[in-house]
Amino acid sequence: MKRNEVVIDGRLLKRGALRYTPAGTPAVDLLIGHRSLQNEAGSQRETRCEIEAVALGDMAVRLGALKLNRSLRISGFLAQNSLGIRKLVLHIVSAEPIVGGDHE
């Protein structure tokens, strides 16, 4: 198995302080909120979720400077929080603003 890819539209709900890994790489923890209508079993269903995410390097610096509630299209991959904690975290690889998405 090789595929582990997530693309989701959401809002930047929370942002931790910019920090640095022991190797000196910038990192920031984020909370992304998502709400949409999805088709499931032939009918529409309203979906809502909050996703814990992390960004590293230049992406961390960029996202660390954004205003909260900003609409973004986020791409990344899922990984365990750490070896001892099995909770999944979205590792952000790219994030682009959604034009007109801040006034939904």
N, C-alpha and C. Protein backbone atom coordinates (compact mmCIF):
# COMPACT_ATOMS: atom_id res chain seq x y z
N MET A 1 0.84 -1.19 0.00
CA MET A 1 0.00 0.00 0.00
C MET A 1 0.88 1.24 0.00
N LYS A 2 0.49 2.20 -0.82
CA LYS A 2 1.28 3.43 -0.90
C LYS A 2 0.45 4.69 -0.75
N ARG A 3 -0.83 4.63 -1.05
CA ARG A 3 -1.64 5.84 -1.09
C ARG A 3 -2.09 6.26 0.31
N ASN A 4 -1.82 7.50 0.66
CA ASN A 4 -2.26 8.13 1.91
C ASN A 4 -2.36 9.61 1.60
N GLU A 5 -3.51 10.03 1.12
CA GLU A 5 -3.68 11.41 0.66
C GLU A 5 -5.05 11.92 1.11
N VAL A 6 -5.05 13.11 1.67
CA VAL A 6 -6.28 13.75 2.11
C VAL A 6 -6.35 15.13 1.47
N VAL A 7 -7.52 15.46 0.92
CA VAL A 7 -7.80 16.82 0.45
C VAL A 7 -9.12 17.22 1.06
N ILE A 8 -9.14 18.36 1.75
CA ILE A 8 -10.36 18.79 2.43
C ILE A 8 -10.42 20.32 2.45
N ASP A 9 -11.62 20.84 2.29
CA ASP A 9 -11.85 22.27 2.44
C ASP A 9 -12.28 22.51 3.87
N GLY A 10 -11.72 23.52 4.49
CA GLY A 10 -12.08 23.80 5.88
C GLY A 10 -11.66 25.18 6.30
N ARG A 11 -11.93 25.46 7.56
CA ARG A 11 -11.58 26.75 8.16
C ARG A 11 -10.54 26.55 9.24
N LEU A 12 -9.64 27.48 9.36
CA LEU A 12 -8.62 27.46 10.39
C LEU A 12 -9.26 27.92 11.71
N LEU A 13 -9.56 26.96 12.59
CA LEU A 13 -10.27 27.26 13.84
C LEU A 13 -9.33 27.65 14.98
N LYS A 14 -8.21 26.94 15.11
CA LYS A 14 -7.25 27.22 16.18
C LYS A 14 -5.85 27.04 15.62
N ARG A 15 -4.92 27.77 16.24
CA ARG A 15 -3.53 27.68 15.82
C ARG A 15 -2.66 27.79 17.06
N GLY A 16 -1.77 26.84 17.24
CA GLY A 16 -0.83 26.91 18.35
C GLY A 16 0.30 27.87 18.02
N ALA A 17 1.16 28.09 18.99
CA ALA A 17 2.32 28.96 18.78
C ALA A 17 3.33 28.25 17.89
N LEU A 18 3.99 29.02 17.05
CA LEU A 18 5.06 28.47 16.23
C LEU A 18 6.14 27.93 17.16
N ARG A 19 6.54 26.70 16.93
CA ARG A 19 7.57 26.06 17.75
C ARG A 19 8.62 25.46 16.81
N TYR A 20 9.65 24.89 17.40
CA TYR A 20 10.71 24.29 16.60
C TYR A 20 10.99 22.88 17.08
N THR A 21 11.16 21.95 16.14
CA THR A 21 11.50 20.57 16.48
C THR A 21 12.93 20.54 17.00
N PRO A 22 13.34 19.42 17.62
CA PRO A 22 14.74 19.32 18.07
C PRO A 22 15.75 19.52 16.93
N ALA A 23 15.34 19.24 15.70
CA ALA A 23 16.23 19.45 14.55
C ALA A 23 16.19 20.90 14.05
N GLY A 24 15.37 21.75 14.68
CA GLY A 24 15.31 23.16 14.30
C GLY A 24 14.29 23.48 13.23
N THR A 25 13.41 22.55 12.89
CA THR A 25 12.40 22.77 11.87
C THR A 25 11.18 23.46 12.49
N PRO A 26 10.69 24.55 11.88
CA PRO A 26 9.47 25.19 12.39
C PRO A 26 8.28 24.23 12.33
N ALA A 27 7.41 24.31 13.33
CA ALA A 27 6.21 23.46 13.38
C ALA A 27 5.08 24.24 14.04
N VAL A 28 3.85 23.97 13.61
CA VAL A 28 2.68 24.59 14.23
C VAL A 28 1.54 23.58 14.23
N ASP A 29 0.83 23.50 15.37
CA ASP A 29 -0.33 22.64 15.50
C ASP A 29 -1.57 23.45 15.17
N LEU A 30 -2.51 22.84 14.44
CA LEU A 30 -3.70 23.53 13.96
C LEU A 30 -4.94 22.69 14.20
N LEU A 31 -6.09 23.35 14.21
CA LEU A 31 -7.37 22.66 14.23
C LEU A 31 -8.16 23.19 13.05
N ILE A 32 -8.57 22.28 12.18
CA ILE A 32 -9.30 22.62 10.96
C ILE A 32 -10.74 22.16 11.12
N GLY A 33 -11.70 23.04 10.83
CA GLY A 33 -13.11 22.70 10.88
C GLY A 33 -13.66 22.52 9.47
N HIS A 34 -14.52 21.53 9.31
CA HIS A 34 -15.11 21.24 8.00
C HIS A 34 -16.61 21.05 8.16
N ARG A 35 -17.37 21.57 7.19
CA ARG A 35 -18.83 21.37 7.14
C ARG A 35 -19.24 21.31 5.69
N SER A 36 -20.05 20.29 5.34
CA SER A 36 -20.50 20.16 3.96
C SER A 36 -21.68 19.22 3.88
N LEU A 37 -22.26 19.16 2.68
CA LEU A 37 -23.27 18.15 2.36
C LEU A 37 -22.60 17.09 1.51
N GLN A 38 -22.81 15.81 1.87
CA GLN A 38 -22.21 14.70 1.15
C GLN A 38 -23.31 13.71 0.77
N ASN A 39 -23.14 13.06 -0.38
CA ASN A 39 -24.07 12.02 -0.80
C ASN A 39 -23.66 10.70 -0.17
N GLU A 40 -24.63 10.04 0.47
CA GLU A 40 -24.37 8.74 1.09
C GLU A 40 -25.61 7.89 0.96
N ALA A 41 -25.46 6.71 0.39
CA ALA A 41 -26.57 5.76 0.23
C ALA A 41 -27.78 6.40 -0.43
N GLY A 42 -27.52 7.23 -1.44
CA GLY A 42 -28.60 7.82 -2.22
C GLY A 42 -29.26 9.05 -1.63
N SER A 43 -28.77 9.56 -0.53
CA SER A 43 -29.34 10.79 0.03
C SER A 43 -28.23 11.71 0.52
N GLN A 44 -28.60 12.99 0.72
CA GLN A 44 -27.61 13.96 1.19
C GLN A 44 -27.55 13.95 2.71
N ARG A 45 -26.35 14.11 3.20
CA ARG A 45 -26.12 14.12 4.64
C ARG A 45 -25.22 15.30 4.97
N GLU A 46 -25.57 16.04 6.02
CA GLU A 46 -24.71 17.13 6.47
C GLU A 46 -23.58 16.53 7.30
N THR A 47 -22.36 16.91 6.97
CA THR A 47 -21.20 16.42 7.71
C THR A 47 -20.47 17.58 8.36
N ARG A 48 -19.99 17.33 9.56
CA ARG A 48 -19.18 18.30 10.30
C ARG A 48 -18.06 17.53 10.99
N CYS A 49 -16.88 18.12 11.01
CA CYS A 49 -15.80 17.51 11.77
C CYS A 49 -14.74 18.56 12.07
N GLU A 50 -13.94 18.25 13.07
CA GLU A 50 -12.77 19.04 13.40
C GLU A 50 -11.57 18.11 13.31
N ILE A 51 -10.52 18.56 12.66
CA ILE A 51 -9.37 17.73 12.38
C ILE A 51 -8.12 18.37 12.98
N GLU A 52 -7.42 17.61 13.81
CA GLU A 52 -6.13 18.07 14.32
C GLU A 52 -5.10 17.92 13.22
N ALA A 53 -4.29 18.95 13.05
CA ALA A 53 -3.32 18.96 11.97
C ALA A 53 -2.00 19.56 12.45
N VAL A 54 -0.96 19.30 11.69
CA VAL A 54 0.35 19.88 11.96
C VAL A 54 0.98 20.29 10.64
N ALA A 55 1.72 21.38 10.66
CA ALA A 55 2.47 21.83 9.48
C ALA A 55 3.92 22.02 9.91
N LEU A 56 4.83 21.70 9.01
CA LEU A 56 6.26 21.80 9.28
C LEU A 56 6.94 22.67 8.24
N GLY A 57 8.09 23.20 8.59
CA GLY A 57 8.91 23.96 7.65
C GLY A 57 8.27 25.26 7.22
N ASP A 58 8.45 25.60 5.94
CA ASP A 58 7.90 26.84 5.40
C ASP A 58 6.38 26.89 5.53
N MET A 59 5.71 25.73 5.41
CA MET A 59 4.25 25.67 5.54
C MET A 59 3.83 26.08 6.95
N ALA A 60 4.60 25.71 7.96
CA ALA A 60 4.30 26.09 9.35
C ALA A 60 4.39 27.60 9.51
N VAL A 61 5.42 28.19 8.96
CA VAL A 61 5.60 29.65 9.05
C VAL A 61 4.45 30.35 8.34
N ARG A 62 4.09 29.86 7.16
CA ARG A 62 3.01 30.48 6.38
C ARG A 62 1.66 30.37 7.11
N LEU A 63 1.32 29.17 7.57
CA LEU A 63 0.03 28.98 8.25
C LEU A 63 0.02 29.65 9.62
N GLY A 64 1.18 29.76 10.24
CA GLY A 64 1.26 30.43 11.54
C GLY A 64 0.95 31.92 11.46
N ALA A 65 0.99 32.48 10.26
CA ALA A 65 0.73 33.91 10.08
C ALA A 65 -0.70 34.20 9.61
N LEU A 66 -1.48 33.16 9.27
CA LEU A 66 -2.84 33.38 8.76
C LEU A 66 -3.80 33.75 9.88
N LYS A 67 -4.82 34.51 9.51
CA LYS A 67 -5.89 34.85 10.45
C LYS A 67 -6.76 33.62 10.69
N LEU A 68 -7.31 33.51 11.89
CA LEU A 68 -8.24 32.44 12.19
C LEU A 68 -9.50 32.61 11.35
N ASN A 69 -10.21 31.53 11.14
CA ASN A 69 -11.46 31.46 10.38
C ASN A 69 -11.24 31.58 8.87
N ARG A 70 -10.01 31.53 8.45
CA ARG A 70 -9.68 31.59 7.02
C ARG A 70 -10.07 30.29 6.34
N SER A 71 -10.73 30.36 5.18
CA SER A 71 -11.10 29.17 4.41
C SER A 71 -9.92 28.70 3.58
N LEU A 72 -9.62 27.40 3.67
CA LEU A 72 -8.46 26.83 2.99
C LEU A 72 -8.81 25.50 2.34
N ARG A 73 -8.15 25.19 1.27
CA ARG A 73 -8.16 23.84 0.69
C ARG A 73 -6.83 23.22 1.10
N ILE A 74 -6.90 22.18 1.89
CA ILE A 74 -5.72 21.59 2.50
C ILE A 74 -5.47 20.20 1.90
N SER A 75 -4.21 19.93 1.60
CA SER A 75 -3.78 18.60 1.14
C SER A 75 -2.71 18.11 2.09
N GLY A 76 -2.73 16.80 2.33
CA GLY A 76 -1.71 16.23 3.19
C GLY A 76 -1.89 14.73 3.34
N PHE A 77 -1.36 14.20 4.43
CA PHE A 77 -1.44 12.77 4.70
C PHE A 77 -1.71 12.55 6.19
N LEU A 78 -2.22 11.38 6.50
CA LEU A 78 -2.52 11.02 7.88
C LEU A 78 -1.40 10.19 8.48
N ALA A 79 -1.09 10.46 9.76
CA ALA A 79 -0.09 9.67 10.49
C ALA A 79 -0.47 9.66 11.96
N GLN A 80 0.01 8.65 12.66
CA GLN A 80 -0.19 8.60 14.11
C GLN A 80 0.48 9.81 14.74
N ASN A 81 -0.11 10.27 15.85
CA ASN A 81 0.44 11.41 16.57
C ASN A 81 1.88 11.11 17.02
N SER A 82 2.11 9.91 17.53
CA SER A 82 3.45 9.45 17.93
C SER A 82 3.40 7.94 18.02
N LEU A 83 4.52 7.32 18.30
CA LEU A 83 4.55 5.86 18.37
C LEU A 83 3.61 5.32 19.45
N GLY A 84 3.49 6.02 20.57
CA GLY A 84 2.65 5.55 21.66
C GLY A 84 1.22 6.02 21.61
N ILE A 85 0.91 6.96 20.74
CA ILE A 85 -0.44 7.52 20.65
C ILE A 85 -0.97 7.24 19.25
N ARG A 86 -2.03 6.44 19.16
CA ARG A 86 -2.54 5.99 17.85
C ARG A 86 -3.47 7.00 17.18
N LYS A 87 -3.80 8.09 17.83
CA LYS A 87 -4.68 9.11 17.26
C LYS A 87 -4.07 9.65 15.97
N LEU A 88 -4.91 9.82 14.94
CA LEU A 88 -4.44 10.32 13.66
C LEU A 88 -4.35 11.84 13.64
N VAL A 89 -3.34 12.34 12.96
CA VAL A 89 -3.14 13.78 12.77
C VAL A 89 -2.91 14.00 11.27
N LEU A 90 -3.51 15.05 10.73
CA LEU A 90 -3.31 15.42 9.34
C LEU A 90 -2.02 16.24 9.22
N HIS A 91 -1.07 15.75 8.45
CA HIS A 91 0.18 16.48 8.19
C HIS A 91 -0.03 17.26 6.90
N ILE A 92 -0.01 18.57 7.01
CA ILE A 92 -0.33 19.45 5.89
C ILE A 92 0.88 19.60 4.96
N VAL A 93 0.64 19.31 3.68
CA VAL A 93 1.67 19.45 2.65
C VAL A 93 1.43 20.73 1.85
N SER A 94 0.15 21.05 1.59
CA SER A 94 -0.18 22.29 0.90
C SER A 94 -1.48 22.86 1.45
N ALA A 95 -1.61 24.17 1.37
CA ALA A 95 -2.81 24.86 1.82
C ALA A 95 -2.98 26.10 0.97
N GLU A 96 -4.12 26.18 0.31
CA GLU A 96 -4.41 27.32 -0.57
C GLU A 96 -5.68 28.00 -0.10
N PRO A 97 -5.72 29.33 -0.12
CA PRO A 97 -6.95 30.04 0.24
C PRO A 97 -8.08 29.70 -0.73
N ILE A 98 -9.29 29.63 -0.23
CA ILE A 98 -10.46 29.44 -1.07
C ILE A 98 -11.04 30.82 -1.32
N VAL A 99 -11.00 31.26 -2.56
CA VAL A 99 -11.48 32.59 -2.93
C VAL A 99 -12.96 32.70 -2.64
N GLY A 100 -13.35 33.69 -1.87
CA GLY A 100 -14.75 33.91 -1.54
C GLY A 100 -15.25 32.99 -0.45
N GLY A 101 -14.40 32.14 0.09
CA GLY A 101 -14.83 31.16 1.09
C GLY A 101 -14.95 31.70 2.49
N ASP A 102 -14.48 32.91 2.75
CA ASP A 102 -14.52 33.44 4.11
C ASP A 102 -15.85 34.08 4.47
N HIS A 103 -16.78 34.07 3.54
CA HIS A 103 -18.07 34.73 3.82
C HIS A 103 -19.24 33.78 3.66
N GLU A 104 -19.01 32.48 3.86
CA GLU A 104 -20.09 31.49 3.71
C GLU A 104 -21.15 31.69 4.76
